[in-house]
C-alpha atoms as a PDB file:
ATOM      1  CA  MET A   1      27.366  68.441 -60.884  1.00  0.00           C
ATOM      2  CA  LYS A   2      24.992  68.423 -57.915  1.00  0.00           C
ATOM      3  CA  LEU A   3      22.076  68.707 -60.329  1.00  0.00           C
ATOM      4  CA  ILE A   4      23.313  65.656 -62.264  1.00  0.00           C
ATOM      5  CA  ILE A   5      23.714  63.656 -59.038  1.00  0.00           C
ATOM      6  CA  LYS A   6      20.202  64.600 -57.905  1.00  0.00           C
ATOM      7  CA  ALA A   7      18.749  63.674 -61.291  1.00  0.00           C
ATOM      8  CA  ALA A   8      20.569  60.343 -61.271  1.00  0.00           C
ATOM      9  CA  SER A   9      19.327  59.690 -57.751  1.00  0.00           C
ATOM     10  CA  VAL A  10      15.739  60.360 -58.811  1.00  0.00           C
ATOM     11  CA  VAL A  11      16.047  58.054 -61.831  1.00  0.00           C
ATOM     12  CA  LEU A  12      17.656  55.331 -59.671  1.00  0.00           C
ATOM     13  CA  TYR A  13      14.879  55.680 -57.092  1.00  0.00           C
ATOM     14  CA  ILE A  14      12.197  55.355 -59.803  1.00  0.00           C
ATOM     15  CA  LEU A  15      13.904  52.302 -61.300  1.00  0.00           C
ATOM     16  CA  LEU A  16      14.273  50.621 -57.902  1.00  0.00           C
ATOM     17  CA  SER A  17      10.642  51.369 -57.011  1.00  0.00           C
ATOM     18  CA  TYR A  18       9.433  49.919 -60.303  1.00  0.00           C
ATOM     19  CA  ASN A  19      11.606  46.829 -59.830  1.00  0.00           C
ATOM     20  CA  LEU A  20      10.282  46.260 -56.303  1.00  0.00           C
ATOM     21  CA  GLN A  21       6.688  46.677 -57.492  1.00  0.00           C
ATOM     22  CA  ALA A  22       7.296  44.210 -60.314  1.00  0.00           C
ATOM     23  CA  GLN A  23       8.804  41.697 -57.900  1.00  0.00           C
ATOM     24  CA  ASP A  24       5.872  42.159 -55.513  1.00  0.00           C
ATOM     25  CA  SER A  25       3.440  41.632 -58.393  1.00  0.00           C
ATOM     26  CA  LEU A  26       5.197  38.419 -59.371  1.00  0.00           C
ATOM     27  CA  THR A  27       5.149  37.110 -55.824  1.00  0.00           C
ATOM     28  CA  THR A  28       1.412  37.714 -55.471  1.00  0.00           C
ATOM     29  CA  TYR A  29       0.518  36.413 -58.937  1.00  0.00           C
ATOM     30  CA  LYS A  30       1.733  32.835 -59.091  1.00  0.00           C
ATOM     31  CA  LYS A  31       0.023  30.633 -61.631  1.00  0.00           C
ATOM     32  CA  TRP A  32       0.106  27.175 -60.031  1.00  0.00           C
ATOM     33  CA  HIS A  33      -1.421  26.271 -56.671  1.00  0.00           C
ATOM     34  CA  VAL A  34      -1.452  22.717 -55.304  1.00  0.00           C
ATOM     35  CA  GLY A  35      -2.812  21.552 -51.973  1.00  0.00           C
ATOM     36  CA  VAL A  36      -5.128  19.463 -49.847  1.00  0.00           C
ATOM     37  CA  LYS A  37      -8.440  20.078 -48.091  1.00  0.00           C
ATOM     38  CA  GLY A  38     -10.686  18.277 -45.634  1.00  0.00           C
ATOM     39  CA  GLY A  39     -13.805  18.785 -43.576  1.00  0.00           C
ATOM     40  CA  ALA A  40     -17.368  17.699 -42.896  1.00  0.00           C
ATOM     41  CA  SER A  41     -20.265  17.027 -45.260  1.00  0.00           C
ATOM     42  CA  PHE A  42     -23.977  17.379 -44.576  1.00  0.00           C
ATOM     43  CA  SER A  43     -26.040  15.578 -47.193  1.00  0.00           C
ATOM     44  CA  PHE A  44     -29.648  14.759 -48.021  1.00  0.00           C
ATOM     45  CA  VAL A  45     -31.754  13.868 -51.059  1.00  0.00           C
ATOM     46  CA  SER A  46     -34.470  15.843 -52.785  1.00  0.00           C
ATOM     47  CA  ALA A  47     -37.209  14.549 -55.073  1.00  0.00           C
ATOM     48  CA  THR A  48     -38.374  16.323 -58.200  1.00  0.00           C
ATOM     49  CA  ASP A  49     -41.722  14.544 -58.010  1.00  0.00           C
ATOM     50  CA  GLU A  50     -43.146  13.674 -54.588  1.00  0.00           C
ATOM     51  CA  ALA A  51     -45.007  10.489 -55.430  1.00  0.00           C
ATOM     52  CA  ILE A  52     -45.820   9.795 -51.779  1.00  0.00           C
ATOM     53  CA  THR A  53     -47.836  12.407 -49.904  1.00  0.00           C
ATOM     54  CA  ARG A  54     -46.487  13.487 -46.532  1.00  0.00           C
ATOM     55  CA  ASN A  55     -48.191  15.331 -43.717  1.00  0.00           C
ATOM     56  CA  ARG A  56     -46.747  17.130 -40.732  1.00  0.00           C
ATOM     57  CA  PHE A  57     -46.442  13.972 -38.615  1.00  0.00           C
ATOM     58  CA  SER A  58     -45.334  11.477 -41.277  1.00  0.00           C
ATOM     59  CA  ARG A  59     -41.815  10.195 -41.848  1.00  0.00           C
ATOM     60  CA  ARG A  60     -39.282  12.846 -42.760  1.00  0.00           C
ATOM     61  CA  ARG A  61     -36.009  12.814 -44.670  1.00  0.00           C
ATOM     62  CA  VAL A  62     -33.179  14.575 -42.823  1.00  0.00           C
ATOM     63  CA  ALA A  63     -29.526  15.329 -43.505  1.00  0.00           C
ATOM     64  CA  ILE A  64     -26.728  13.089 -42.310  1.00  0.00           C
ATOM     65  CA  GLN A  65     -23.161  14.040 -41.478  1.00  0.00           C
ATOM     66  CA  GLY A  66     -20.066  12.566 -43.091  1.00  0.00           C
ATOM     67  CA  ILE A  67     -16.525  13.507 -44.048  1.00  0.00           C
ATOM     68  CA  ALA A  68     -14.986  14.977 -47.192  1.00  0.00           C
ATOM     69  CA  TYR A  69     -11.346  15.363 -48.177  1.00  0.00           C
ATOM     70  CA  GLY A  70      -9.175  15.518 -51.265  1.00  0.00           C
ATOM     71  CA  GLY A  71      -6.613  17.333 -53.386  1.00  0.00           C
ATOM     72  CA  VAL A  72      -6.687  20.630 -55.288  1.00  0.00           C
ATOM     73  CA  ILE A  73      -4.838  21.852 -58.390  1.00  0.00           C
ATOM     74  CA  ARG A  74      -5.423  25.455 -59.458  1.00  0.00           C
ATOM     75  CA  TYR A  75      -4.066  27.299 -62.484  1.00  0.00           C
ATOM     76  CA  MET A  76      -4.519  31.079 -62.581  1.00  0.00           C
ATOM     77  CA  THR A  77      -4.977  32.281 -66.148  1.00  0.00           C
ATOM     78  CA  GLU A  78      -5.277  35.860 -64.886  1.00  0.00           C
ATOM     79  CA  LYS A  79      -4.251  37.549 -61.661  1.00  0.00           C
ATOM     80  CA  ASN A  80      -7.732  37.190 -60.141  1.00  0.00           C
ATOM     81  CA  PHE A  81      -9.201  34.337 -62.161  1.00  0.00           C
ATOM     82  CA  GLY A  82      -8.309  30.727 -62.921  1.00  0.00           C
ATOM     83  CA  LEU A  83      -9.355  27.096 -63.314  1.00  0.00           C
ATOM     84  CA  GLN A  84      -9.484  24.619 -60.418  1.00  0.00           C
ATOM     85  CA  ILE A  85      -9.630  20.813 -60.540  1.00  0.00           C
ATOM     86  CA  GLU A  86     -10.184  18.654 -57.461  1.00  0.00           C
ATOM     87  CA  ALA A  87     -10.361  14.961 -56.599  1.00  0.00           C
ATOM     88  CA  ASN A  88     -12.445  14.371 -53.462  1.00  0.00           C
ATOM     89  CA  TYR A  89     -13.775  11.549 -51.339  1.00  0.00           C
ATOM     90  CA  VAL A  90     -17.249  12.568 -50.132  1.00  0.00           C
ATOM     91  CA  GLU A  91     -19.718  10.751 -47.890  1.00  0.00           C
ATOM     92  CA  LYS A  92     -23.365  11.337 -48.806  1.00  0.00           C
ATOM     93  CA  GLY A  93     -26.757   9.768 -48.220  1.00  0.00           C
ATOM     94  CA  TRP A  94     -29.965  10.389 -46.318  1.00  0.00           C
ATOM     95  CA  ARG A  95     -31.970   9.339 -43.281  1.00  0.00           C
ATOM     96  CA  GLU A  96     -35.705   8.848 -42.807  1.00  0.00           C
ATOM     97  CA  ILE A  97     -37.149   9.466 -39.338  1.00  0.00           C
ATOM     98  CA  PHE A  98     -40.363   7.563 -38.476  1.00  0.00           C
ATOM     99  CA  PRO A  99     -43.236   8.415 -36.104  1.00  0.00           C
ATOM    100  CA  SER A 100     -43.019   7.258 -32.521  1.00  0.00           C
ATOM    101  CA  LEU A 101     -44.745   4.013 -31.587  1.00  0.00           C
ATOM    102  CA  VAL A 102     -46.047   5.666 -28.423  1.00  0.00           C
ATOM    103  CA  ASP A 103     -47.218   8.928 -29.962  1.00  0.00           C
ATOM    104  CA  PRO A 104     -47.691   8.751 -33.771  1.00  0.00           C
ATOM    105  CA  GLN A 105     -47.893  12.528 -33.902  1.00  0.00           C
ATOM    106  CA  GLN A 106     -44.228  12.792 -32.854  1.00  0.00           C
ATOM    107  CA  ARG A 107     -41.145  11.593 -34.758  1.00  0.00           C
ATOM    108  CA  ASP A 108     -38.753   9.291 -32.928  1.00  0.00           C
ATOM    109  CA  PRO A 109     -35.040   9.820 -33.872  1.00  0.00           C
ATOM    110  CA  ASN A 110     -34.343   6.251 -32.729  1.00  0.00           C
ATOM    111  CA  ARG A 111     -36.667   4.897 -35.445  1.00  0.00           C
ATOM    112  CA  PHE A 112     -34.803   5.523 -38.668  1.00  0.00           C
ATOM    113  CA  TYR A 113     -33.687   4.163 -42.002  1.00  0.00           C
ATOM    114  CA  GLN A 114     -30.369   5.501 -43.291  1.00  0.00           C
ATOM    115  CA  VAL A 115     -28.529   5.173 -46.595  1.00  0.00           C
ATOM    116  CA  ASN A 116     -24.755   5.782 -46.663  1.00  0.00           C
ATOM    117  CA  LEU A 117     -23.103   6.547 -50.007  1.00  0.00           C
ATOM    118  CA  GLU A 118     -19.367   7.009 -50.632  1.00  0.00           C
ATOM    119  CA  TYR A 119     -18.318   8.890 -53.776  1.00  0.00           C
ATOM    120  CA  LEU A 120     -15.140   9.827 -55.585  1.00  0.00           C
ATOM    121  CA  GLU A 121     -15.859  13.211 -57.147  1.00  0.00           C
ATOM    122  CA  VAL A 122     -13.876  15.293 -59.635  1.00  0.00           C
ATOM    123  CA  PRO A 123     -15.095  18.929 -59.799  1.00  0.00           C
ATOM    124  CA  ILE A 124     -13.937  21.290 -62.561  1.00  0.00           C
ATOM    125  CA  LEU A 125     -14.456  24.827 -61.309  1.00  0.00           C
ATOM    126  CA  ALA A 126     -13.891  28.451 -62.210  1.00  0.00           C
ATOM    127  CA  HIS A 127     -12.042  30.216 -59.379  1.00  0.00           C
ATOM    128  CA  GLY A 128     -12.008  33.963 -58.777  1.00  0.00           C
ATOM    129  CA  TYR A 129     -11.027  36.200 -55.882  1.00  0.00           C
ATOM    130  CA  PHE A 130     -10.728  39.775 -54.729  1.00  0.00           C
ATOM    131  CA  GLY A 131      -9.121  41.451 -51.769  1.00  0.00           C
ATOM    132  CA  LYS A 132      -5.740  42.494 -50.444  1.00  0.00           C
ATOM    133  CA  ARG A 133      -2.497  40.670 -51.040  1.00  0.00           C
ATOM    134  CA  ASN A 134      -2.591  38.610 -47.831  1.00  0.00           C
ATOM    135  CA  LEU A 135      -6.357  38.270 -47.354  1.00  0.00           C
ATOM    136  CA  ARG A 136      -8.652  37.192 -50.153  1.00  0.00           C
ATOM    137  CA  ILE A 137     -12.329  36.376 -50.550  1.00  0.00           C
ATOM    138  CA  PHE A 138     -12.855  33.792 -53.269  1.00  0.00           C
ATOM    139  CA  ALA A 139     -15.683  31.985 -55.037  1.00  0.00           C
ATOM    140  CA  THR A 140     -15.898  28.834 -57.170  1.00  0.00           C
ATOM    141  CA  LEU A 141     -18.518  27.599 -59.616  1.00  0.00           C
ATOM    142  CA  GLY A 142     -18.665  24.642 -61.964  1.00  0.00           C
ATOM    143  CA  MET A 143     -19.569  21.001 -62.528  1.00  0.00           C
ATOM    144  CA  TYR A 144     -18.546  17.722 -60.951  1.00  0.00           C
ATOM    145  CA  GLY A 145     -18.569  14.088 -61.946  1.00  0.00           C
ATOM    146  CA  GLY A 146     -18.862  11.381 -59.311  1.00  0.00           C
ATOM    147  CA  MET A 147     -18.421   7.622 -59.107  1.00  0.00           C
ATOM    148  CA  LEU A 148     -20.072   5.578 -56.353  1.00  0.00           C
ATOM    149  CA  LEU A 149     -17.428   3.636 -54.430  1.00  0.00           C
ATOM    150  CA  SER A 150     -19.666   1.824 -51.948  1.00  0.00           C
ATOM    151  CA  SER A 151     -23.104   1.932 -50.318  1.00  0.00           C
ATOM    152  CA  SER A 152     -24.715   0.587 -47.176  1.00  0.00           C
ATOM    153  CA  THR A 153     -27.933   0.914 -45.187  1.00  0.00           C
ATOM    154  CA  GLN A 154     -28.880   1.018 -41.521  1.00  0.00           C
ATOM    155  CA  THR A 155     -32.342   0.221 -40.198  1.00  0.00           C
ATOM    156  CA  ALA A 156     -33.555   0.525 -36.613  1.00  0.00           C
ATOM    157  CA  SER A 157     -34.963  -2.717 -35.230  1.00  0.00           C
ATOM    158  CA  THR A 158     -38.318  -1.046 -34.559  1.00  0.00           C
ATOM    159  CA  VAL A 159     -38.823  -0.021 -38.208  1.00  0.00           C
ATOM    160  CA  ASP A 160     -40.976  -2.166 -40.492  1.00  0.00           C
ATOM    161  CA  PRO A 161     -39.144  -2.554 -43.867  1.00  0.00           C
ATOM    162  CA  ASN A 162     -42.501  -2.128 -45.616  1.00  0.00           C
ATOM    163  CA  ASP A 163     -42.702   1.409 -44.232  1.00  0.00           C
ATOM    164  CA  ILE A 164     -39.470   2.557 -45.860  1.00  0.00           C
ATOM    165  CA  THR A 165     -40.264   5.187 -48.485  1.00  0.00           C
ATOM    166  CA  TYR A 166     -37.338   4.701 -50.850  1.00  0.00           C
ATOM    167  CA  GLU A 167     -35.649   1.405 -50.080  1.00  0.00           C
ATOM    168  CA  TYR A 168     -32.091   1.400 -51.364  1.00  0.00           C
ATOM    169  CA  LEU A 169     -31.354  -1.718 -53.406  1.00  0.00           C
ATOM    170  CA  VAL A 170     -27.928  -2.199 -54.988  1.00  0.00           C
ATOM    171  CA  PRO A 171     -29.238  -3.546 -58.332  1.00  0.00           C
ATOM    172  CA  GLU A 172     -31.246  -0.325 -58.728  1.00  0.00           C
ATOM    173  CA  GLN A 173     -28.485   2.148 -57.903  1.00  0.00           C
ATOM    174  CA  ASN A 174     -26.848   4.505 -60.377  1.00  0.00           C
ATOM    175  CA  THR A 175     -23.083   4.167 -60.195  1.00  0.00           C
ATOM    176  CA  TYR A 176     -22.314   7.599 -61.629  1.00  0.00           C
ATOM    177  CA  ASP A 177     -23.386  11.068 -60.589  1.00  0.00           C
ATOM    178  CA  LEU A 178     -23.156  14.421 -62.336  1.00  0.00           C
ATOM    179  CA  GLY A 179     -23.970  17.759 -60.808  1.00  0.00           C
ATOM    180  CA  VAL A 180     -23.258  21.440 -60.225  1.00  0.00           C
ATOM    181  CA  ARG A 181     -21.212  22.921 -57.388  1.00  0.00           C
ATOM    182  CA  GLY A 182     -20.626  26.403 -56.063  1.00  0.00           C
ATOM    183  CA  GLY A 183     -18.778  27.724 -53.056  1.00  0.00           C
ATOM    184  CA  ALA A 184     -17.073  30.655 -51.365  1.00  0.00           C
ATOM    185  CA  GLY A 185     -14.444  31.182 -48.724  1.00  0.00           C
ATOM    186  CA  VAL A 186     -11.601  33.202 -47.257  1.00  0.00           C
ATOM    187  CA  ALA A 187      -7.908  32.616 -47.920  1.00  0.00           C
ATOM    188  CA  VAL A 188      -4.916  33.894 -45.932  1.00  0.00           C
ATOM    189  CA  ILE A 189      -1.595  34.030 -47.788  1.00  0.00           C
ATOM    190  CA  THR A 190       1.554  33.511 -45.710  1.00  0.00           C
ATOM    191  CA  LYS A 191       5.225  32.846 -46.421  1.00  0.00           C
ATOM    192  CA  VAL A 192       4.708  29.123 -45.875  1.00  0.00           C
ATOM    193  CA  GLY A 193       1.601  28.774 -48.039  1.00  0.00           C
ATOM    194  CA  THR A 194      -2.084  29.602 -48.320  1.00  0.00           C
ATOM    195  CA  PHE A 195      -4.589  28.636 -45.642  1.00  0.00           C
ATOM    196  CA  GLN A 196      -8.262  28.754 -46.539  1.00  0.00           C
ATOM    197  CA  ILE A 197     -11.693  28.013 -45.161  1.00  0.00           C
ATOM    198  CA  GLU A 198     -14.476  27.218 -47.617  1.00  0.00           C
ATOM    199  CA  GLY A 199     -18.146  26.351 -47.744  1.00  0.00           C
ATOM    200  CA  SER A 200     -19.717  24.739 -50.807  1.00  0.00           C
ATOM    201  CA  TYR A 201     -23.040  23.352 -51.993  1.00  0.00           C
ATOM    202  CA  SER A 202     -23.499  20.682 -54.652  1.00  0.00           C
ATOM    203  CA  LEU A 203     -26.638  19.390 -56.359  1.00  0.00           C
ATOM    204  CA  GLY A 204     -26.681  16.110 -58.254  1.00  0.00           C
ATOM    205  CA  LEU A 205     -28.450  16.099 -61.610  1.00  0.00           C
ATOM    206  CA  ASN A 206     -28.533  12.332 -61.918  1.00  0.00           C
ATOM    207  CA  SER A 207     -30.935  10.139 -59.917  1.00  0.00           C
ATOM    208  CA  VAL A 208     -29.508   8.106 -57.027  1.00  0.00           C
ATOM    209  CA  LEU A 209     -31.844   5.208 -57.856  1.00  0.00           C
ATOM    210  CA  ASP A 210     -33.491   3.996 -61.031  1.00  0.00           C
ATOM    211  CA  ARG A 211     -36.197   6.538 -61.806  1.00  0.00           C
ATOM    212  CA  ASN A 212     -38.377   3.926 -63.513  1.00  0.00           C
ATOM    213  CA  ARG A 213     -39.063   2.090 -60.265  1.00  0.00           C
ATOM    214  CA  ILE A 214     -42.304   2.865 -58.407  1.00  0.00           C
ATOM    215  CA  PRO A 215     -42.815   4.541 -55.931  1.00  0.00           C
ATOM    216  CA  ILE A 216     -39.426   6.261 -56.413  1.00  0.00           C
ATOM    217  CA  PRO A 217     -39.894   9.867 -57.621  1.00  0.00           C
ATOM    218  CA  SER A 218     -38.807  10.692 -61.164  1.00  0.00           C
ATOM    219  CA  ILE A 219     -35.405  11.900 -59.917  1.00  0.00           C
ATOM    220  CA  LEU A 220     -33.934  11.398 -56.445  1.00  0.00           C
ATOM    221  CA  GLN A 221     -31.050  13.913 -56.263  1.00  0.00           C
ATOM    222  CA  ASN A 222     -27.977  14.123 -54.041  1.00  0.00           C
ATOM    223  CA  ASN A 223     -27.533  17.383 -52.110  1.00  0.00           C
ATOM    224  CA  ALA A 224     -24.418  18.137 -50.076  1.00  0.00           C
ATOM    225  CA  ILE A 225     -23.122  21.055 -48.041  1.00  0.00           C
ATOM    226  CA  VAL A 226     -19.397  20.779 -47.291  1.00  0.00           C
ATOM    227  CA  GLY A 227     -17.306  22.903 -44.943  1.00  0.00           C
ATOM    228  CA  SER A 228     -13.547  22.443 -45.276  1.00  0.00           C
ATOM    229  CA  LEU A 229     -10.129  23.737 -44.335  1.00  0.00           C
ATOM    230  CA  GLY A 230      -7.394  23.756 -46.949  1.00  0.00           C
ATOM    231  CA  TYR A 231      -3.672  24.335 -47.400  1.00  0.00           C
ATOM    232  CA  LEU A 232      -2.033  25.174 -50.737  1.00  0.00           C
ATOM    233  CA  VAL A 233       1.470  25.988 -51.936  1.00  0.00           C
ATOM    234  CA  SER A 234       2.149  28.246 -54.918  1.00  0.00           C
ATOM    235  CA  PHE A 235       4.799  28.227 -57.599  1.00  0.00           C
END
């Protein structure tokens, strides 16, 4: 009788352990994740064909800072892999810094020409992660499509418009953008949801301005580095 009780106890213990493991697996592998994210963007443009020669003391294109925020929907097809779709508002653009009027061999940050671009972007990304149940390192990679919402320019009063390298003119803008995006980050899973920090880089494949206009390079591409914080719930 004691032997039967011990055997039953062992079987019950195995069944309970398996059930708890199955429940734990289900709680850590939830297919749908929905949330929001927001942060800062640092953007600039790159040219595939430098039509205008620059030297060490000429004007220089630099990155400008903006904001980025949006929503995230993620569907996990496997425990560690899934598909992610976002809808984001992203500020992009570029700034040109001109030489100082006092010392032409030095650039003056107060002499600038800046282009501000506002986009609605929809990335479609592959999402994968590894790590423990409550702490994960993840990566994303895919494409994005963007639509230009608005644009504006700023010019310092001391800058001659004839000196602007790539003057931004609305009739010559491209309304749509298409590019590639990749990123990585760390996620912390809690009882109230998932908190994550992420860094990403995107490169536009379409030209910001009409490539047929001279002296615009063949393709003037958007580049953006975005750092963001996010919160997602799972179900």
